[in-house]
Structures are given as C-alpha cells and as structure tokens.
Amino acid sequence: MSMMTVSTNAFDDLKDDQALKLAAEYLVDNEVQRLTKISALELFLASTAVNYMDDKDLTNAVVKSLVYQIKF
C-alpha cells in the first residue's frame, strides 16, 4: 500500500511541475510578444518550433503554443 501512495504522490508532483512550467512559458511568451511587438502568428510559429525541439511531439507543441495565445 505504501508503494501505491509513493507512486501517486510522484504523479501529482509531476502534474504540478508541468503546470508550473506551462505558466512560466506563458509569462515568457507574453513578455516576448510585448517587448518585441511581433504578431501573434509569428509568436505562435516560434513557440511551436521551440516546444517541438524541446519534446519532439508536434501535437503537444501546437497545443502549448495555442495556450500561450490566450489573453487573460
């Protein structure tokens, strides 16, 4: 039972780390767009390329880049 608890806690930590990374990347992309005055399309293409080089998953890279375009 304790092994199951350890595995579950490790999985929860992984999800939290991914959420924090996504939030940090969102803030960086927002600042890059604000400071460089590039268009949303250019930022989308650049972030897709960077995300794809990071984890080699095109679907994940496109979804992340679309999330960065959300304005709060």
PDB file of N, CA and C in Angstrom:
ATOM      1  N   MET A   1       0.820  -1.194   0.000  1.00  0.00           N
ATOM      2  CA  MET A   1       0.000   0.000   0.000  1.00  0.00           C
ATOM      3  C   MET A   1       0.861   1.255   0.000  1.00  0.00           C
ATOM      4  N   SER A   2       1.974   1.238   0.722  1.00  0.00           N
ATOM      5  CA  SER A   2       2.829   2.421   0.773  1.00  0.00           C
ATOM      6  C   SER A   2       3.469   2.704  -0.587  1.00  0.00           C
ATOM      7  N   MET A   3       3.772   1.665  -1.373  1.00  0.00           N
ATOM      8  CA  MET A   3       4.320   1.870  -2.712  1.00  0.00           C
ATOM      9  C   MET A   3       3.295   2.569  -3.598  1.00  0.00           C
ATOM     10  N   MET A   4       2.048   2.234  -3.455  1.00  0.00           N
ATOM     11  CA  MET A   4       0.995   2.856  -4.230  1.00  0.00           C
ATOM     12  C   MET A   4       0.876   4.340  -3.879  1.00  0.00           C
ATOM     13  N   THR A   5       1.013   4.666  -2.614  1.00  0.00           N
ATOM     14  CA  THR A   5       0.952   6.057  -2.169  1.00  0.00           C
ATOM     15  C   THR A   5       2.125   6.845  -2.716  1.00  0.00           C
ATOM     16  N   VAL A   6       3.313   6.268  -2.705  1.00  0.00           N
ATOM     17  CA  VAL A   6       4.503   6.939  -3.240  1.00  0.00           C
ATOM     18  C   VAL A   6       4.324   7.208  -4.720  1.00  0.00           C
ATOM     19  N   SER A   7       3.825   6.241  -5.473  1.00  0.00           N
ATOM     20  CA  SER A   7       3.616   6.419  -6.904  1.00  0.00           C
ATOM     21  C   SER A   7       2.590   7.510  -7.178  1.00  0.00           C
ATOM     22  N   THR A   8       1.530   7.541  -6.424  1.00  0.00           N
ATOM     23  CA  THR A   8       0.504   8.560  -6.608  1.00  0.00           C
ATOM     24  C   THR A   8       1.050   9.940  -6.299  1.00  0.00           C
ATOM     25  N   ASN A   9       1.818  10.074  -5.233  1.00  0.00           N
ATOM     26  CA  ASN A   9       2.409  11.366  -4.895  1.00  0.00           C
ATOM     27  C   ASN A   9       3.397  11.821  -5.959  1.00  0.00           C
ATOM     28  N   ALA A  10       4.161  10.910  -6.516  1.00  0.00           N
ATOM     29  CA  ALA A  10       5.104  11.263  -7.578  1.00  0.00           C
ATOM     30  C   ALA A  10       4.344  11.743  -8.810  1.00  0.00           C
ATOM     31  N   PHE A  11       3.223  11.109  -9.121  1.00  0.00           N
ATOM     32  CA  PHE A  11       2.418  11.520 -10.269  1.00  0.00           C
ATOM     33  C   PHE A  11       1.824  12.908 -10.048  1.00  0.00           C
ATOM     34  N   ASP A  12       1.342  13.184  -8.846  1.00  0.00           N
ATOM     35  CA  ASP A  12       0.795  14.504  -8.536  1.00  0.00           C
ATOM     36  C   ASP A  12       1.872  15.576  -8.640  1.00  0.00           C
ATOM     37  N   ASP A  13       3.072  15.286  -8.177  1.00  0.00           N
ATOM     38  CA  ASP A  13       4.169  16.241  -8.288  1.00  0.00           C
ATOM     39  C   ASP A  13       4.515  16.513  -9.745  1.00  0.00           C
ATOM     40  N   LEU A  14       4.457  15.485 -10.576  1.00  0.00           N
ATOM     41  CA  LEU A  14       4.752  15.653 -11.990  1.00  0.00           C
ATOM     42  C   LEU A  14       3.742  16.585 -12.639  1.00  0.00           C
ATOM     43  N   LYS A  15       2.466  16.413 -12.335  1.00  0.00           N
ATOM     44  CA  LYS A  15       1.443  17.285 -12.904  1.00  0.00           C
ATOM     45  C   LYS A  15       1.651  18.721 -12.439  1.00  0.00           C
ATOM     46  N   ASP A  16       2.010  18.913 -11.172  1.00  0.00           N
ATOM     47  CA  ASP A  16       2.251  20.261 -10.662  1.00  0.00           C
ATOM     48  C   ASP A  16       3.444  20.902 -11.355  1.00  0.00           C
ATOM     49  N   ASP A  17       4.504  20.129 -11.587  1.00  0.00           N
ATOM     50  CA  ASP A  17       5.678  20.655 -12.274  1.00  0.00           C
ATOM     51  C   ASP A  17       5.341  21.062 -13.702  1.00  0.00           C
ATOM     52  N   GLN A  18       4.534  20.266 -14.379  1.00  0.00           N
ATOM     53  CA  GLN A  18       4.150  20.597 -15.741  1.00  0.00           C
ATOM     54  C   GLN A  18       3.287  21.858 -15.779  1.00  0.00           C
ATOM     55  N   ALA A  19       2.408  22.015 -14.814  1.00  0.00           N
ATOM     56  CA  ALA A  19       1.568  23.213 -14.759  1.00  0.00           C
ATOM     57  C   ALA A  19       2.411  24.451 -14.491  1.00  0.00           C
ATOM     58  N   LEU A  20       3.380  24.338 -13.600  1.00  0.00           N
ATOM     59  CA  LEU A  20       4.266  25.472 -13.325  1.00  0.00           C
ATOM     60  C   LEU A  20       5.113  25.824 -14.544  1.00  0.00           C
ATOM     61  N   LYS A  21       5.583  24.810 -15.258  1.00  0.00           N
ATOM     62  CA  LYS A  21       6.366  25.061 -16.470  1.00  0.00           C
ATOM     63  C   LYS A  21       5.514  25.745 -17.538  1.00  0.00           C
ATOM     64  N   LEU A  22       4.279  25.299 -17.698  1.00  0.00           N
ATOM     65  CA  LEU A  22       3.381  25.912 -18.673  1.00  0.00           C
ATOM     66  C   LEU A  22       3.099  27.370 -18.307  1.00  0.00           C
ATOM     67  N   ALA A  23       2.886  27.646 -17.021  1.00  0.00           N
ATOM     68  CA  ALA A  23       2.637  29.021 -16.576  1.00  0.00           C
ATOM     69  C   ALA A  23       3.853  29.898 -16.813  1.00  0.00           C
ATOM     70  N   ALA A  24       5.030  29.391 -16.522  1.00  0.00           N
ATOM     71  CA  ALA A  24       6.256  30.172 -16.749  1.00  0.00           C
ATOM     72  C   ALA A  24       6.466  30.438 -18.229  1.00  0.00           C
ATOM     73  N   GLU A  25       6.222  29.443 -19.068  1.00  0.00           N
ATOM     74  CA  GLU A  25       6.367  29.628 -20.507  1.00  0.00           C
ATOM     75  C   GLU A  25       5.352  30.634 -21.037  1.00  0.00           C
ATOM     76  N   TYR A  26       4.150  30.622 -20.477  1.00  0.00           N
ATOM     77  CA  TYR A  26       3.127  31.591 -20.871  1.00  0.00           C
ATOM     78  C   TYR A  26       3.603  33.012 -20.571  1.00  0.00           C
ATOM     79  N   LEU A  27       4.146  33.216 -19.373  1.00  0.00           N
ATOM     80  CA  LEU A  27       4.630  34.542 -18.997  1.00  0.00           C
ATOM     81  C   LEU A  27       5.786  34.990 -19.884  1.00  0.00           C
ATOM     82  N   VAL A  28       6.684  34.085 -20.194  1.00  0.00           N
ATOM     83  CA  VAL A  28       7.817  34.423 -21.060  1.00  0.00           C
ATOM     84  C   VAL A  28       7.320  34.795 -22.455  1.00  0.00           C
ATOM     85  N   ASP A  29       6.430  34.003 -23.024  1.00  0.00           N
ATOM     86  CA  ASP A  29       5.892  34.309 -24.351  1.00  0.00           C
ATOM     87  C   ASP A  29       5.159  35.644 -24.363  1.00  0.00           C
ATOM     88  N   ASN A  30       4.400  35.920 -23.317  1.00  0.00           N
ATOM     89  CA  ASN A  30       3.677  37.188 -23.226  1.00  0.00           C
ATOM     90  C   ASN A  30       4.652  38.366 -23.213  1.00  0.00           C
ATOM     91  N   GLU A  31       5.728  38.245 -22.447  1.00  0.00           N
ATOM     92  CA  GLU A  31       6.718  39.319 -22.380  1.00  0.00           C
ATOM     93  C   GLU A  31       7.474  39.463 -23.693  1.00  0.00           C
ATOM     94  N   VAL A  32       7.801  38.355 -24.337  1.00  0.00           N
ATOM     95  CA  VAL A  32       8.487  38.414 -25.631  1.00  0.00           C
ATOM     96  C   VAL A  32       7.620  39.147 -26.640  1.00  0.00           C
ATOM     97  N   GLN A  33       6.340  38.826 -26.675  1.00  0.00           N
ATOM     98  CA  GLN A  33       5.449  39.487 -27.624  1.00  0.00           C
ATOM     99  C   GLN A  33       5.307  40.969 -27.293  1.00  0.00           C
ATOM    100  N   ARG A  34       5.232  41.298 -26.025  1.00  0.00           N
ATOM    101  CA  ARG A  34       5.074  42.693 -25.620  1.00  0.00           C
ATOM    102  C   ARG A  34       6.331  43.506 -25.946  1.00  0.00           C
ATOM    103  N   LEU A  35       7.490  42.947 -25.692  1.00  0.00           N
ATOM    104  CA  LEU A  35       8.737  43.690 -25.878  1.00  0.00           C
ATOM    105  C   LEU A  35       9.196  43.754 -27.332  1.00  0.00           C
ATOM    106  N   THR A  36       8.916  42.726 -28.098  1.00  0.00           N
ATOM    107  CA  THR A  36       9.390  42.706 -29.487  1.00  0.00           C
ATOM    108  C   THR A  36       8.341  43.189 -30.480  1.00  0.00           C
ATOM    109  N   LYS A  37       7.097  43.294 -30.053  1.00  0.00           N
ATOM    110  CA  LYS A  37       5.991  43.734 -30.915  1.00  0.00           C
ATOM    111  C   LYS A  37       5.788  42.829 -32.132  1.00  0.00           C
ATOM    112  N   ILE A  38       6.086  41.506 -31.977  1.00  0.00           N
ATOM    113  CA  ILE A  38       5.823  40.583 -33.075  1.00  0.00           C
ATOM    114  C   ILE A  38       4.349  40.203 -33.067  1.00  0.00           C
ATOM    115  N   SER A  39       3.871  39.751 -34.208  1.00  0.00           N
ATOM    116  CA  SER A  39       2.456  39.396 -34.310  1.00  0.00           C
ATOM    117  C   SER A  39       2.185  38.075 -33.587  1.00  0.00           C
ATOM    118  N   ALA A  40       0.919  37.818 -33.363  1.00  0.00           N
ATOM    119  CA  ALA A  40       0.510  36.579 -32.693  1.00  0.00           C
ATOM    120  C   ALA A  40       0.883  35.363 -33.537  1.00  0.00           C
ATOM    121  N   LEU A  41       0.786  35.484 -34.852  1.00  0.00           N
ATOM    122  CA  LEU A  41       1.152  34.371 -35.735  1.00  0.00           C
ATOM    123  C   LEU A  41       2.640  34.067 -35.645  1.00  0.00           C
ATOM    124  N   GLU A  42       3.457  35.101 -35.649  1.00  0.00           N
ATOM    125  CA  GLU A  42       4.905  34.895 -35.538  1.00  0.00           C
ATOM    126  C   GLU A  42       5.267  34.262 -34.196  1.00  0.00           C
ATOM    127  N   LEU A  43       4.631  34.711 -33.138  1.00  0.00           N
ATOM    128  CA  LEU A  43       4.893  34.130 -31.821  1.00  0.00           C
ATOM    129  C   LEU A  43       4.426  32.681 -31.773  1.00  0.00           C
ATOM    130  N   PHE A  44       3.277  32.394 -32.373  1.00  0.00           N
ATOM    131  CA  PHE A  44       2.771  31.020 -32.415  1.00  0.00           C
ATOM    132  C   PHE A  44       3.758  30.109 -33.142  1.00  0.00           C
ATOM    133  N   LEU A  45       4.258  30.550 -34.293  1.00  0.00           N
ATOM    134  CA  LEU A  45       5.197  29.729 -35.061  1.00  0.00           C
ATOM    135  C   LEU A  45       6.514  29.531 -34.313  1.00  0.00           C
ATOM    136  N   ALA A  46       7.004  30.593 -33.690  1.00  0.00           N
ATOM    137  CA  ALA A  46       8.263  30.491 -32.940  1.00  0.00           C
ATOM    138  C   ALA A  46       8.108  29.573 -31.734  1.00  0.00           C
ATOM    139  N   SER A  47       7.016  29.731 -30.977  1.00  0.00           N
ATOM    140  CA  SER A  47       6.852  28.877 -29.798  1.00  0.00           C
ATOM    141  C   SER A  47       6.578  27.432 -30.179  1.00  0.00           C
ATOM    142  N   THR A  48       5.901  27.207 -31.290  1.00  0.00           N
ATOM    143  CA  THR A  48       5.696  25.833 -31.745  1.00  0.00           C
ATOM    144  C   THR A  48       7.039  25.190 -32.076  1.00  0.00           C
ATOM    145  N   ALA A  49       7.901  25.925 -32.755  1.00  0.00           N
ATOM    146  CA  ALA A  49       9.222  25.387 -33.108  1.00  0.00           C
ATOM    147  C   ALA A  49      10.042  25.081 -31.857  1.00  0.00           C
ATOM    148  N   VAL A  50      10.042  25.997 -30.897  1.00  0.00           N
ATOM    149  CA  VAL A  50      10.814  25.784 -29.667  1.00  0.00           C
ATOM    150  C   VAL A  50      10.245  24.615 -28.874  1.00  0.00           C
ATOM    151  N   ASN A  51       8.934  24.550 -28.734  1.00  0.00           N
ATOM    152  CA  ASN A  51       8.311  23.444 -27.988  1.00  0.00           C
ATOM    153  C   ASN A  51       8.549  22.107 -28.685  1.00  0.00           C
ATOM    154  N   TYR A  52       8.524  22.096 -30.010  1.00  0.00           N
ATOM    155  CA  TYR A  52       8.754  20.851 -30.739  1.00  0.00           C
ATOM    156  C   TYR A  52      10.195  20.379 -30.546  1.00  0.00           C
ATOM    157  N   MET A  53      11.145  21.304 -30.568  1.00  0.00           N
ATOM    158  CA  MET A  53      12.541  20.917 -30.351  1.00  0.00           C
ATOM    159  C   MET A  53      12.750  20.412 -28.933  1.00  0.00           C
ATOM    160  N   ASP A  54      11.936  20.917 -27.989  1.00  0.00           N
ATOM    161  CA  ASP A  54      12.077  20.519 -26.588  1.00  0.00           C
ATOM    162  C   ASP A  54      11.614  19.090 -26.334  1.00  0.00           C
ATOM    163  N   ASP A  55      10.431  18.709 -26.841  1.00  0.00           N
ATOM    164  CA  ASP A  55       9.916  17.380 -26.501  1.00  0.00           C
ATOM    165  C   ASP A  55       9.543  16.502 -27.695  1.00  0.00           C
ATOM    166  N   LYS A  56       9.827  16.925 -28.916  1.00  0.00           N
ATOM    167  CA  LYS A  56       9.632  16.119 -30.136  1.00  0.00           C
ATOM    168  C   LYS A  56       8.216  15.581 -30.311  1.00  0.00           C
ATOM    169  N   ASP A  57       7.228  16.320 -29.838  1.00  0.00           N
ATOM    170  CA  ASP A  57       5.830  15.920 -30.002  1.00  0.00           C
ATOM    171  C   ASP A  57       5.094  17.106 -30.624  1.00  0.00           C
ATOM    172  N   LEU A  58       4.756  17.000 -31.901  1.00  0.00           N
ATOM    173  CA  LEU A  58       4.175  18.119 -32.630  1.00  0.00           C
ATOM    174  C   LEU A  58       2.809  18.514 -32.078  1.00  0.00           C
ATOM    175  N   THR A  59       1.977  17.548 -31.745  1.00  0.00           N
ATOM    176  CA  THR A  59       0.652  17.862 -31.208  1.00  0.00           C
ATOM    177  C   THR A  59       0.767  18.638 -29.905  1.00  0.00           C
ATOM    178  N   ASN A  60       1.620  18.178 -29.016  1.00  0.00           N
ATOM    179  CA  ASN A  60       1.829  18.852 -27.742  1.00  0.00           C
ATOM    180  C   ASN A  60       2.382  20.261 -27.961  1.00  0.00           C
ATOM    181  N   ALA A  61       3.295  20.416 -28.909  1.00  0.00           N
ATOM    182  CA  ALA A  61       3.886  21.723 -29.191  1.00  0.00           C
ATOM    183  C   ALA A  61       2.836  22.711 -29.705  1.00  0.00           C
ATOM    184  N   VAL A  62       1.955  22.259 -30.579  1.00  0.00           N
ATOM    185  CA  VAL A  62       0.913  23.129 -31.122  1.00  0.00           C
ATOM    186  C   VAL A  62      -0.084  23.524 -30.032  1.00  0.00           C
ATOM    187  N   VAL A  63      -0.479  22.568 -29.209  1.00  0.00           N
ATOM    188  CA  VAL A  63      -1.439  22.869 -28.135  1.00  0.00           C
ATOM    189  C   VAL A  63      -0.842  23.871 -27.155  1.00  0.00           C
ATOM    190  N   LYS A  64       0.411  23.668 -26.761  1.00  0.00           N
ATOM    191  CA  LYS A  64       1.064  24.614 -25.855  1.00  0.00           C
ATOM    192  C   LYS A  64       1.104  26.000 -26.473  1.00  0.00           C
ATOM    193  N   SER A  65       1.463  26.078 -27.740  1.00  0.00           N
ATOM    194  CA  SER A  65       1.558  27.376 -28.413  1.00  0.00           C
ATOM    195  C   SER A  65       0.197  28.059 -28.508  1.00  0.00           C
ATOM    196  N   LEU A  66      -0.853  27.282 -28.675  1.00  0.00           N
ATOM    197  CA  LEU A  66      -2.194  27.869 -28.694  1.00  0.00           C
ATOM    198  C   LEU A  66      -2.589  28.383 -27.313  1.00  0.00           C
ATOM    199  N   VAL A  67      -2.180  27.669 -26.268  1.00  0.00           N
ATOM    200  CA  VAL A  67      -2.466  28.117 -24.902  1.00  0.00           C
ATOM    201  C   VAL A  67      -1.789  29.452 -24.639  1.00  0.00           C
ATOM    202  N   TYR A  68      -0.579  29.630 -25.183  1.00  0.00           N
ATOM    203  CA  TYR A  68       0.143  30.892 -24.963  1.00  0.00           C
ATOM    204  C   TYR A  68      -0.583  32.086 -25.577  1.00  0.00           C
ATOM    205  N   GLN A  69      -1.444  31.841 -26.543  1.00  0.00           N
ATOM    206  CA  GLN A  69      -2.144  32.930 -27.228  1.00  0.00           C
ATOM    207  C   GLN A  69      -3.383  33.407 -26.462  1.00  0.00           C
ATOM    208  N   ILE A  70      -3.774  32.707 -25.417  1.00  0.00           N
ATOM    209  CA  ILE A  70      -4.931  33.100 -24.628  1.00  0.00           C
ATOM    210  C   ILE A  70      -4.598  34.362 -23.856  1.00  0.00           C
ATOM    211  N   LYS A  71      -5.462  35.344 -23.928  1.00  0.00           N
ATOM    212  CA  LYS A  71      -5.256  36.602 -23.202  1.00  0.00           C
ATOM    213  C   LYS A  71      -6.189  36.654 -22.008  1.00  0.00           C
ATOM    214  N   PHE A  72      -5.610  36.885 -20.848  1.00  0.00           N
ATOM    215  CA  PHE A  72      -6.402  36.968 -19.612  1.00  0.00           C
ATOM    216  C   PHE A  72      -6.679  38.392 -19.248  1.00  0.00           C
TER     217      PHE A  72
END
